[in-house]
Amino acid sequence: MAHVITDGCIACGTCIGECPVEAISEGEKYSIDPEKCIDCGSCAAACPTESIVEG
């Protein structure tokens, strides 16, 4: 199951560089495309606010 970004996201951008399949989109709140996400967890490990969780 793909990871999701919760409301705790501060849009810092740390996760974007960690995603090997470029599934994360920028915005006021970032989002993860579930069709691209390979559930590797790299983004969740990098998130300083622990706002990325398994969906």
Protein backbone atom coordinates (compact mmCIF):
# COMPACT_ATOMS: atom_id res chain seq x y z
CA MET A 1 0.00 0.00 0.00
CA ALA A 2 1.30 3.45 -0.88
CA HIS A 3 2.44 5.94 1.73
CA VAL A 4 0.41 9.11 2.32
CA ILE A 5 1.33 12.55 3.59
CA THR A 6 -0.73 13.74 6.56
CA ASP A 7 -1.78 17.25 7.60
CA GLY A 8 1.40 17.58 9.66
CA CYS A 9 3.35 18.21 6.44
CA ILE A 10 5.22 21.52 6.52
CA ALA A 11 6.19 21.33 2.81
CA CYS A 12 9.91 21.40 3.60
CA GLY A 13 10.84 19.31 0.54
CA THR A 14 13.04 16.81 2.35
CA CYS A 15 11.01 13.85 1.08
CA ILE A 16 11.13 14.75 -2.60
CA GLY A 17 14.82 14.00 -3.04
CA GLU A 18 14.44 10.68 -1.25
CA CYS A 19 11.78 9.23 -3.56
CA PRO A 20 13.40 6.94 -6.16
CA VAL A 21 10.32 6.99 -8.44
CA GLU A 22 9.41 10.69 -8.22
CA ALA A 23 5.97 9.95 -6.75
CA ILE A 24 5.85 13.07 -4.55
CA SER A 25 4.28 16.29 -5.83
CA GLU A 26 4.91 19.73 -4.37
CA GLY A 27 2.16 22.05 -3.20
CA GLU A 28 0.84 23.74 -0.07
CA LYS A 29 0.72 20.21 1.26
CA TYR A 30 2.76 17.62 -0.60
CA SER A 31 1.11 14.49 -1.97
CA ILE A 32 2.18 11.02 -3.05
CA ASP A 33 0.85 9.47 -6.24
CA PRO A 34 -0.32 5.99 -5.20
CA GLU A 35 0.15 4.73 -8.77
CA LYS A 36 3.87 5.56 -8.70
CA CYS A 37 4.67 4.83 -5.03
CA ILE A 38 6.59 1.57 -4.57
CA ASP A 39 6.17 1.63 -0.77
CA CYS A 40 9.91 1.75 -0.09
CA GLY A 41 9.56 4.05 2.93
CA SER A 42 12.48 6.31 2.03
CA CYS A 43 10.31 9.41 2.22
CA ALA A 44 8.88 8.45 5.61
CA ALA A 45 12.35 7.89 7.05
CA ALA A 46 13.47 11.33 5.83
CA CYS A 47 10.43 13.31 7.02
CA PRO A 48 11.40 15.56 9.96
CA THR A 49 7.78 15.86 11.16
CA GLU A 50 6.90 12.17 10.77
CA SER A 51 4.02 13.22 8.51
CA ILE A 52 4.40 10.36 6.03
CA VAL A 53 2.66 7.14 7.00
CA GLU A 54 1.61 3.90 5.36
CA GLY A 55 -1.74 4.43 3.67
